[in-house]
Amino acid sequence: MKSLLSISFKITRLEYAQYLIAYMYRRPTVIILSVLGLYSLIMPVLVDYGIVGFFNKSMFMSLPYALAMLFYPLIITGIAVLQRNRNAFLRQEMRYEFDDEGVHIQGEDFKSDLAWSHIREVKELAGFLILKPSKREGYLVKKNVLGADEITYIKDKIAAAKQK
């Protein structure tokens, strides 16, 4: 089958870090941890200066724990970006080809074919179109190499495959 759309790109460290931070700060657990860390840092200061008269000390954590909770997503993102060099998939330039059968992904040392019917959903986040064949797995496609018509084409193909 002839390829209807073909794109090539490489994901940089900065783009990958932006994606991870956007992904992390959307998770409810991370938001709760960040709020608790911020609470634990701000409330003792407000009580010391007499701005607030009551402080729930059971919610208080020591400074290192509060900072770790507040910056948890940044710490995890930093670790993931440093480990990026171990993942060949993220270092390679990838070629995505879209046709009537599905998506064909090729890197320097791998090739993967994904039928439209195997893609459960498509999401947009932090400049990426995420093709999700499972709940935990996703293929990142840069949106800046796609036009609006191509994004619509991909979403329509996935929606049509779900209806079958």
N, C-alpha and C. Protein backbone atom coordinates (compact mmCIF):
# COMPACT_ATOMS: atom_id res chain seq x y z
N MET A 1 0.86 -1.18 0.00
CA MET A 1 0.00 0.00 0.00
C MET A 1 0.89 1.23 0.00
N LYS A 2 0.51 2.20 -0.78
CA LYS A 2 1.29 3.43 -0.91
C LYS A 2 1.09 4.32 0.32
N SER A 3 2.18 4.89 0.79
CA SER A 3 2.14 5.78 1.94
C SER A 3 1.45 7.09 1.55
N LEU A 4 0.46 7.49 2.35
CA LEU A 4 -0.25 8.74 2.10
C LEU A 4 0.41 9.92 2.79
N LEU A 5 1.11 9.63 3.86
CA LEU A 5 1.77 10.68 4.64
C LEU A 5 3.04 10.09 5.23
N SER A 6 4.13 10.78 5.07
CA SER A 6 5.40 10.31 5.59
C SER A 6 6.13 11.48 6.26
N ILE A 7 6.56 11.26 7.51
CA ILE A 7 7.28 12.30 8.25
C ILE A 7 8.48 11.68 8.94
N SER A 8 9.50 12.47 9.15
CA SER A 8 10.69 12.05 9.89
C SER A 8 11.03 13.12 10.91
N PHE A 9 11.44 12.69 12.08
CA PHE A 9 11.83 13.63 13.13
C PHE A 9 12.65 12.92 14.19
N LYS A 10 13.30 13.73 15.02
CA LYS A 10 14.05 13.24 16.16
C LYS A 10 13.59 14.04 17.37
N ILE A 11 13.35 13.37 18.47
CA ILE A 11 12.89 14.04 19.69
C ILE A 11 14.13 14.48 20.47
N THR A 12 14.22 15.78 20.75
CA THR A 12 15.35 16.31 21.50
C THR A 12 15.13 16.11 23.00
N ARG A 13 16.19 16.31 23.76
CA ARG A 13 16.08 16.19 25.22
C ARG A 13 15.08 17.19 25.79
N LEU A 14 15.14 18.42 25.30
CA LEU A 14 14.25 19.46 25.80
C LEU A 14 12.79 19.12 25.50
N GLU A 15 12.50 18.68 24.29
CA GLU A 15 11.13 18.30 23.93
C GLU A 15 10.64 17.13 24.79
N TYR A 16 11.51 16.17 25.02
CA TYR A 16 11.14 15.03 25.85
C TYR A 16 10.89 15.47 27.29
N ALA A 17 11.72 16.36 27.81
CA ALA A 17 11.52 16.88 29.17
C ALA A 17 10.22 17.66 29.27
N GLN A 18 9.90 18.49 28.27
CA GLN A 18 8.64 19.23 28.28
C GLN A 18 7.45 18.29 28.27
N TYR A 19 7.53 17.23 27.49
CA TYR A 19 6.45 16.24 27.45
C TYR A 19 6.28 15.58 28.82
N LEU A 20 7.39 15.15 29.43
CA LEU A 20 7.31 14.47 30.73
C LEU A 20 6.75 15.37 31.82
N ILE A 21 7.17 16.64 31.83
CA ILE A 21 6.66 17.57 32.85
C ILE A 21 5.16 17.79 32.65
N ALA A 22 4.74 18.00 31.41
CA ALA A 22 3.31 18.18 31.14
C ALA A 22 2.52 16.93 31.54
N TYR A 23 3.09 15.77 31.27
CA TYR A 23 2.43 14.50 31.62
C TYR A 23 2.33 14.35 33.14
N MET A 24 3.41 14.66 33.84
CA MET A 24 3.43 14.49 35.29
C MET A 24 2.47 15.44 36.00
N TYR A 25 2.46 16.69 35.58
CA TYR A 25 1.61 17.67 36.27
C TYR A 25 0.14 17.51 35.96
N ARG A 26 -0.23 16.58 35.12
CA ARG A 26 -1.64 16.27 34.88
C ARG A 26 -2.16 15.17 35.79
N ARG A 27 -1.26 14.48 36.46
CA ARG A 27 -1.63 13.36 37.32
C ARG A 27 -2.12 13.88 38.67
N PRO A 28 -3.26 13.40 39.17
CA PRO A 28 -3.80 13.87 40.45
C PRO A 28 -2.85 13.64 41.63
N THR A 29 -2.16 12.52 41.65
CA THR A 29 -1.24 12.23 42.75
C THR A 29 -0.12 13.26 42.81
N VAL A 30 0.41 13.62 41.68
CA VAL A 30 1.50 14.60 41.63
C VAL A 30 1.01 15.97 42.06
N ILE A 31 -0.20 16.32 41.66
CA ILE A 31 -0.77 17.61 42.06
C ILE A 31 -0.96 17.65 43.57
N ILE A 32 -1.46 16.57 44.15
CA ILE A 32 -1.67 16.51 45.61
C ILE A 32 -0.33 16.59 46.33
N LEU A 33 0.68 15.85 45.86
CA LEU A 33 2.00 15.91 46.49
C LEU A 33 2.59 17.31 46.42
N SER A 34 2.43 17.97 45.29
CA SER A 34 2.95 19.33 45.13
C SER A 34 2.26 20.31 46.07
N VAL A 35 0.95 20.17 46.21
CA VAL A 35 0.20 21.06 47.11
C VAL A 35 0.61 20.81 48.56
N LEU A 36 0.78 19.55 48.95
CA LEU A 36 1.22 19.25 50.32
C LEU A 36 2.63 19.79 50.57
N GLY A 37 3.51 19.65 49.60
CA GLY A 37 4.86 20.19 49.75
C GLY A 37 4.85 21.70 49.89
N LEU A 38 4.05 22.37 49.07
CA LEU A 38 3.93 23.83 49.14
C LEU A 38 3.32 24.26 50.47
N TYR A 39 2.29 23.54 50.91
CA TYR A 39 1.65 23.82 52.20
C TYR A 39 2.67 23.71 53.33
N SER A 40 3.46 22.66 53.29
CA SER A 40 4.43 22.40 54.34
C SER A 40 5.57 23.44 54.36
N LEU A 41 5.80 24.08 53.22
CA LEU A 41 6.82 25.13 53.17
C LEU A 41 6.28 26.50 53.58
N ILE A 42 5.07 26.80 53.17
CA ILE A 42 4.51 28.14 53.37
C ILE A 42 3.91 28.34 54.76
N MET A 43 3.19 27.36 55.27
CA MET A 43 2.46 27.56 56.53
C MET A 43 3.35 27.88 57.73
N PRO A 44 4.48 27.22 57.94
CA PRO A 44 5.31 27.62 59.10
C PRO A 44 5.79 29.06 59.00
N VAL A 45 6.08 29.53 57.81
CA VAL A 45 6.52 30.92 57.62
C VAL A 45 5.37 31.87 57.96
N LEU A 46 4.17 31.56 57.51
CA LEU A 46 3.01 32.41 57.78
C LEU A 46 2.69 32.46 59.27
N VAL A 47 2.86 31.35 59.98
CA VAL A 47 2.61 31.31 61.43
C VAL A 47 3.70 32.12 62.16
N ASP A 48 4.95 31.97 61.73
CA ASP A 48 6.05 32.71 62.38
C ASP A 48 5.87 34.22 62.26
N TYR A 49 5.37 34.70 61.16
CA TYR A 49 5.17 36.13 60.95
C TYR A 49 3.82 36.62 61.46
N GLY A 50 3.04 35.74 62.04
CA GLY A 50 1.76 36.13 62.63
C GLY A 50 0.65 36.36 61.63
N ILE A 51 0.84 35.98 60.40
CA ILE A 51 -0.19 36.16 59.38
C ILE A 51 -1.33 35.16 59.59
N VAL A 52 -0.97 33.96 59.98
CA VAL A 52 -1.95 32.90 60.24
C VAL A 52 -1.76 32.47 61.69
N GLY A 53 -2.88 32.32 62.40
CA GLY A 53 -2.79 31.96 63.81
C GLY A 53 -2.81 30.47 64.04
N PHE A 54 -3.31 29.70 63.09
CA PHE A 54 -3.43 28.25 63.29
C PHE A 54 -2.66 27.52 62.19
N PHE A 55 -1.97 26.47 62.61
CA PHE A 55 -1.23 25.65 61.66
C PHE A 55 -1.38 24.20 62.07
N ASN A 56 -1.88 23.40 61.17
CA ASN A 56 -2.08 21.98 61.43
C ASN A 56 -0.72 21.28 61.37
N LYS A 57 -0.14 21.02 62.53
CA LYS A 57 1.21 20.46 62.57
C LYS A 57 1.27 19.02 62.09
N SER A 58 0.14 18.35 62.06
CA SER A 58 0.16 16.97 61.54
C SER A 58 0.44 16.97 60.04
N MET A 59 0.20 18.09 59.38
CA MET A 59 0.47 18.21 57.95
C MET A 59 1.90 18.69 57.68
N PHE A 60 2.63 19.05 58.72
CA PHE A 60 3.97 19.61 58.56
C PHE A 60 4.99 18.52 58.27
N MET A 61 5.87 18.79 57.36
CA MET A 61 6.98 17.88 57.05
C MET A 61 8.27 18.68 57.12
N SER A 62 9.34 17.97 57.29
CA SER A 62 10.63 18.66 57.33
C SER A 62 10.93 19.25 55.96
N LEU A 63 11.85 20.17 55.94
CA LEU A 63 12.19 20.89 54.73
C LEU A 63 12.61 19.97 53.57
N PRO A 64 13.48 18.99 53.79
CA PRO A 64 13.87 18.13 52.65
C PRO A 64 12.68 17.36 52.06
N TYR A 65 11.81 16.85 52.92
CA TYR A 65 10.64 16.12 52.43
C TYR A 65 9.69 17.04 51.68
N ALA A 66 9.50 18.23 52.21
CA ALA A 66 8.60 19.18 51.55
C ALA A 66 9.14 19.58 50.18
N LEU A 67 10.44 19.83 50.10
CA LEU A 67 11.04 20.18 48.80
C LEU A 67 10.98 19.01 47.82
N ALA A 68 11.21 17.80 48.33
CA ALA A 68 11.14 16.62 47.46
C ALA A 68 9.72 16.44 46.92
N MET A 69 8.71 16.66 47.76
CA MET A 69 7.33 16.52 47.31
C MET A 69 6.98 17.61 46.29
N LEU A 70 7.44 18.81 46.56
CA LEU A 70 7.12 19.93 45.67
C LEU A 70 7.78 19.76 44.30
N PHE A 71 9.01 19.30 44.30
CA PHE A 71 9.75 19.18 43.05
C PHE A 71 9.83 17.75 42.52
N TYR A 72 8.98 16.87 43.02
CA TYR A 72 8.95 15.47 42.58
C TYR A 72 8.89 15.31 41.06
N PRO A 73 7.98 16.01 40.36
CA PRO A 73 7.93 15.85 38.91
C PRO A 73 9.22 16.29 38.22
N LEU A 74 9.84 17.33 38.72
CA LEU A 74 11.09 17.79 38.12
C LEU A 74 12.23 16.81 38.37
N ILE A 75 12.24 16.20 39.55
CA ILE A 75 13.27 15.21 39.88
C ILE A 75 13.11 13.99 38.98
N ILE A 76 11.88 13.49 38.86
CA ILE A 76 11.62 12.31 38.02
C ILE A 76 11.93 12.63 36.56
N THR A 77 11.56 13.81 36.10
CA THR A 77 11.86 14.21 34.72
C THR A 77 13.36 14.27 34.49
N GLY A 78 14.09 14.84 35.43
CA GLY A 78 15.54 14.90 35.31
C GLY A 78 16.18 13.52 35.21
N ILE A 79 15.71 12.60 36.04
CA ILE A 79 16.22 11.23 36.00
C ILE A 79 15.89 10.58 34.66
N ALA A 80 14.66 10.77 34.19
CA ALA A 80 14.24 10.17 32.91
C ALA A 80 15.04 10.73 31.74
N VAL A 81 15.29 12.03 31.76
CA VAL A 81 16.06 12.64 30.67
C VAL A 81 17.50 12.15 30.70
N LEU A 82 18.07 11.99 31.89
CA LEU A 82 19.43 11.45 31.98
C LEU A 82 19.50 10.00 31.50
N GLN A 83 18.44 9.24 31.76
CA GLN A 83 18.40 7.84 31.32
C GLN A 83 17.99 7.71 29.86
N ARG A 84 17.62 8.81 29.25
CA ARG A 84 17.20 8.82 27.84
C ARG A 84 18.28 8.23 26.94
N ASN A 85 19.54 8.43 27.29
CA ASN A 85 20.63 7.91 26.47
C ASN A 85 20.65 6.39 26.43
N ARG A 86 20.06 5.75 27.41
CA ARG A 86 19.99 4.29 27.42
C ARG A 86 18.90 3.76 26.50
N ASN A 87 17.91 4.58 26.20
CA ASN A 87 16.79 4.16 25.37
C ASN A 87 17.06 4.57 23.92
N ALA A 88 17.42 3.60 23.10
CA ALA A 88 17.77 3.87 21.70
C ALA A 88 16.59 4.45 20.94
N PHE A 89 15.38 4.06 21.32
CA PHE A 89 14.18 4.52 20.64
C PHE A 89 14.07 6.04 20.69
N LEU A 90 14.47 6.64 21.81
CA LEU A 90 14.34 8.09 21.97
C LEU A 90 15.50 8.87 21.36
N ARG A 91 16.58 8.21 21.04
CA ARG A 91 17.74 8.90 20.46
C ARG A 91 17.75 8.88 18.94
N GLN A 92 16.97 8.01 18.35
CA GLN A 92 17.02 7.82 16.91
C GLN A 92 16.09 8.77 16.17
N GLU A 93 16.46 9.03 14.94
CA GLU A 93 15.51 9.72 14.06
C GLU A 93 14.51 8.68 13.59
N MET A 94 13.24 9.01 13.69
CA MET A 94 12.20 8.05 13.35
C MET A 94 11.42 8.53 12.14
N ARG A 95 10.98 7.57 11.37
CA ARG A 95 10.17 7.86 10.19
C ARG A 95 8.81 7.21 10.41
N TYR A 96 7.79 8.05 10.35
CA TYR A 96 6.40 7.58 10.48
C TYR A 96 5.76 7.65 9.11
N GLU A 97 5.15 6.55 8.69
CA GLU A 97 4.40 6.53 7.45
C GLU A 97 2.97 6.12 7.77
N PHE A 98 2.03 6.91 7.30
CA PHE A 98 0.62 6.67 7.53
C PHE A 98 -0.02 6.30 6.20
N ASP A 99 -0.78 5.20 6.18
CA ASP A 99 -1.51 4.81 4.98
C ASP A 99 -2.86 4.23 5.40
N ASP A 100 -3.57 3.63 4.47
CA ASP A 100 -4.91 3.10 4.78
C ASP A 100 -4.87 1.92 5.74
N GLU A 101 -3.75 1.22 5.81
CA GLU A 101 -3.64 0.06 6.69
C GLU A 101 -3.31 0.45 8.13
N GLY A 102 -2.49 1.48 8.31
CA GLY A 102 -2.10 1.87 9.65
C GLY A 102 -0.88 2.76 9.66
N VAL A 103 -0.12 2.65 10.74
CA VAL A 103 1.07 3.46 10.96
C VAL A 103 2.29 2.53 10.90
N HIS A 104 3.29 2.95 10.16
CA HIS A 104 4.53 2.19 10.03
C HIS A 104 5.65 3.06 10.57
N ILE A 105 6.31 2.58 11.61
CA ILE A 105 7.33 3.35 12.29
C ILE A 105 8.67 2.67 12.06
N GLN A 106 9.65 3.45 11.65
CA GLN A 106 10.97 2.88 11.40
C GLN A 106 12.04 3.78 11.99
N GLY A 107 12.92 3.15 12.76
CA GLY A 107 14.08 3.84 13.30
C GLY A 107 15.33 3.29 12.65
N GLU A 108 16.46 3.60 13.25
CA GLU A 108 17.72 3.12 12.69
C GLU A 108 17.87 1.61 12.82
N ASP A 109 17.35 1.04 13.91
CA ASP A 109 17.51 -0.39 14.13
C ASP A 109 16.22 -1.11 14.52
N PHE A 110 15.08 -0.54 14.18
CA PHE A 110 13.82 -1.23 14.45
C PHE A 110 12.78 -0.81 13.43
N LYS A 111 11.74 -1.63 13.33
CA LYS A 111 10.61 -1.32 12.48
C LYS A 111 9.36 -1.86 13.17
N SER A 112 8.32 -1.07 13.15
CA SER A 112 7.08 -1.45 13.80
C SER A 112 5.89 -1.08 12.92
N ASP A 113 4.94 -1.98 12.81
CA ASP A 113 3.71 -1.72 12.07
C ASP A 113 2.54 -1.77 13.04
N LEU A 114 1.69 -0.79 12.95
CA LEU A 114 0.56 -0.67 13.86
C LEU A 114 -0.70 -0.40 13.05
N ALA A 115 -1.65 -1.33 13.11
CA ALA A 115 -2.90 -1.15 12.38
C ALA A 115 -3.76 -0.10 13.09
N TRP A 116 -4.58 0.59 12.31
CA TRP A 116 -5.45 1.62 12.89
C TRP A 116 -6.34 1.03 13.98
N SER A 117 -6.78 -0.20 13.81
CA SER A 117 -7.68 -0.82 14.78
C SER A 117 -7.00 -1.12 16.12
N HIS A 118 -5.68 -1.13 16.14
CA HIS A 118 -4.95 -1.41 17.38
C HIS A 118 -4.66 -0.15 18.19
N ILE A 119 -4.98 1.00 17.67
CA ILE A 119 -4.77 2.24 18.41
C ILE A 119 -6.04 2.54 19.20
N ARG A 120 -5.94 2.50 20.53
CA ARG A 120 -7.09 2.70 21.40
C ARG A 120 -7.56 4.15 21.43
N GLU A 121 -6.59 5.07 21.46
CA GLU A 121 -6.95 6.48 21.52
C GLU A 121 -5.78 7.33 21.03
N VAL A 122 -6.08 8.56 20.77
CA VAL A 122 -5.06 9.52 20.37
C VAL A 122 -5.22 10.74 21.28
N LYS A 123 -4.10 11.22 21.82
CA LYS A 123 -4.11 12.38 22.72
C LYS A 123 -3.15 13.42 22.18
N GLU A 124 -3.38 14.65 22.58
CA GLU A 124 -2.46 15.75 22.27
C GLU A 124 -1.95 16.32 23.58
N LEU A 125 -0.61 16.40 23.69
CA LEU A 125 -0.01 16.89 24.92
C LEU A 125 1.38 17.44 24.62
N ALA A 126 1.62 18.65 25.05
CA ALA A 126 2.95 19.28 25.00
C ALA A 126 3.60 19.21 23.63
N GLY A 127 2.85 19.50 22.59
CA GLY A 127 3.41 19.52 21.25
C GLY A 127 3.55 18.16 20.59
N PHE A 128 2.95 17.15 21.20
CA PHE A 128 3.00 15.81 20.65
C PHE A 128 1.60 15.26 20.43
N LEU A 129 1.48 14.44 19.43
CA LEU A 129 0.30 13.62 19.20
C LEU A 129 0.69 12.24 19.71
N ILE A 130 -0.06 11.70 20.65
CA ILE A 130 0.30 10.43 21.26
C ILE A 130 -0.67 9.36 20.77
N LEU A 131 -0.14 8.39 20.05
CA LEU A 131 -0.91 7.26 19.56
C LEU A 131 -0.79 6.15 20.59
N LYS A 132 -1.91 5.80 21.23
CA LYS A 132 -1.87 4.87 22.35
C LYS A 132 -2.50 3.52 21.98
N PRO A 133 -1.67 2.49 21.76
CA PRO A 133 -2.22 1.15 21.51
C PRO A 133 -2.63 0.45 22.80
N SER A 134 -2.12 0.91 23.94
CA SER A 134 -2.51 0.36 25.24
C SER A 134 -2.53 1.49 26.25
N LYS A 135 -2.95 1.15 27.46
CA LYS A 135 -3.06 2.19 28.48
C LYS A 135 -1.70 2.78 28.87
N ARG A 136 -0.65 1.98 28.87
CA ARG A 136 0.66 2.42 29.33
C ARG A 136 1.65 2.71 28.22
N GLU A 137 1.31 2.37 27.00
CA GLU A 137 2.24 2.53 25.89
C GLU A 137 1.72 3.61 24.94
N GLY A 138 2.64 4.37 24.37
CA GLY A 138 2.24 5.39 23.41
C GLY A 138 3.39 5.75 22.49
N TYR A 139 3.05 6.10 21.27
CA TYR A 139 4.02 6.53 20.28
C TYR A 139 3.91 8.04 20.15
N LEU A 140 5.03 8.74 20.33
CA LEU A 140 5.05 10.19 20.28
C LEU A 140 5.31 10.65 18.84
N VAL A 141 4.42 11.51 18.34
CA VAL A 141 4.56 12.10 17.01
C VAL A 141 4.57 13.61 17.21
N LYS A 142 5.61 14.27 16.73
CA LYS A 142 5.69 15.72 16.86
C LYS A 142 4.58 16.38 16.05
N LYS A 143 3.85 17.28 16.70
CA LYS A 143 2.78 17.99 16.00
C LYS A 143 3.31 19.06 15.05
N ASN A 144 4.50 19.58 15.32
CA ASN A 144 5.01 20.67 14.47
C ASN A 144 5.46 20.18 13.09
N VAL A 145 5.57 18.87 12.90
CA VAL A 145 5.88 18.35 11.56
C VAL A 145 4.62 17.93 10.82
N LEU A 146 3.49 18.02 11.50
CA LEU A 146 2.19 17.70 10.91
C LEU A 146 1.39 18.98 10.71
N GLY A 147 0.58 19.00 9.70
CA GLY A 147 -0.35 20.10 9.52
C GLY A 147 -1.70 19.74 10.14
N ALA A 148 -2.60 20.68 10.16
CA ALA A 148 -3.92 20.44 10.73
C ALA A 148 -4.67 19.34 9.95
N ASP A 149 -4.49 19.31 8.63
CA ASP A 149 -5.15 18.29 7.82
C ASP A 149 -4.63 16.89 8.15
N GLU A 150 -3.33 16.77 8.39
CA GLU A 150 -2.75 15.47 8.71
C GLU A 150 -3.23 14.98 10.08
N ILE A 151 -3.31 15.89 11.04
CA ILE A 151 -3.80 15.51 12.38
C ILE A 151 -5.25 15.04 12.28
N THR A 152 -6.05 15.76 11.51
CA THR A 152 -7.45 15.37 11.31
C THR A 152 -7.52 14.01 10.61
N TYR A 153 -6.67 13.78 9.62
CA TYR A 153 -6.62 12.51 8.91
C TYR A 153 -6.33 11.36 9.88
N ILE A 154 -5.35 11.53 10.74
CA ILE A 154 -4.98 10.49 11.71
C ILE A 154 -6.12 10.22 12.67
N LYS A 155 -6.71 11.26 13.22
CA LYS A 155 -7.83 11.09 14.16
C LYS A 155 -9.03 10.43 13.48
N ASP A 156 -9.31 10.81 12.24
CA ASP A 156 -10.43 10.21 11.51
C ASP A 156 -10.20 8.73 11.25
N LYS A 157 -8.98 8.37 10.90
CA LYS A 157 -8.65 6.96 10.65
C LYS A 157 -8.83 6.12 11.91
N ILE A 158 -8.41 6.66 13.04
CA ILE A 158 -8.54 5.94 14.31
C ILE A 158 -10.01 5.81 14.69
N ALA A 159 -10.77 6.89 14.52
CA ALA A 159 -12.20 6.85 14.83
C ALA A 159 -12.94 5.86 13.92
N ALA A 160 -12.58 5.84 12.64
CA ALA A 160 -13.23 4.92 11.69
C ALA A 160 -12.90 3.47 12.05
N ALA A 161 -11.68 3.22 12.48
CA ALA A 161 -11.29 1.85 12.85
C ALA A 161 -12.00 1.39 14.12
N LYS A 162 -12.30 2.29 15.02
CA LYS A 162 -13.03 1.94 16.25
C LYS A 162 -14.48 1.57 15.95
N GLN A 163 -15.06 2.21 14.95
CA GLN A 163 -16.48 1.97 14.63
C GLN A 163 -16.71 0.65 13.93
N LYS A 164 -15.68 0.08 13.36
CA LYS A 164 -15.83 -1.19 12.64
C LYS A 164 -16.08 -2.35 13.57
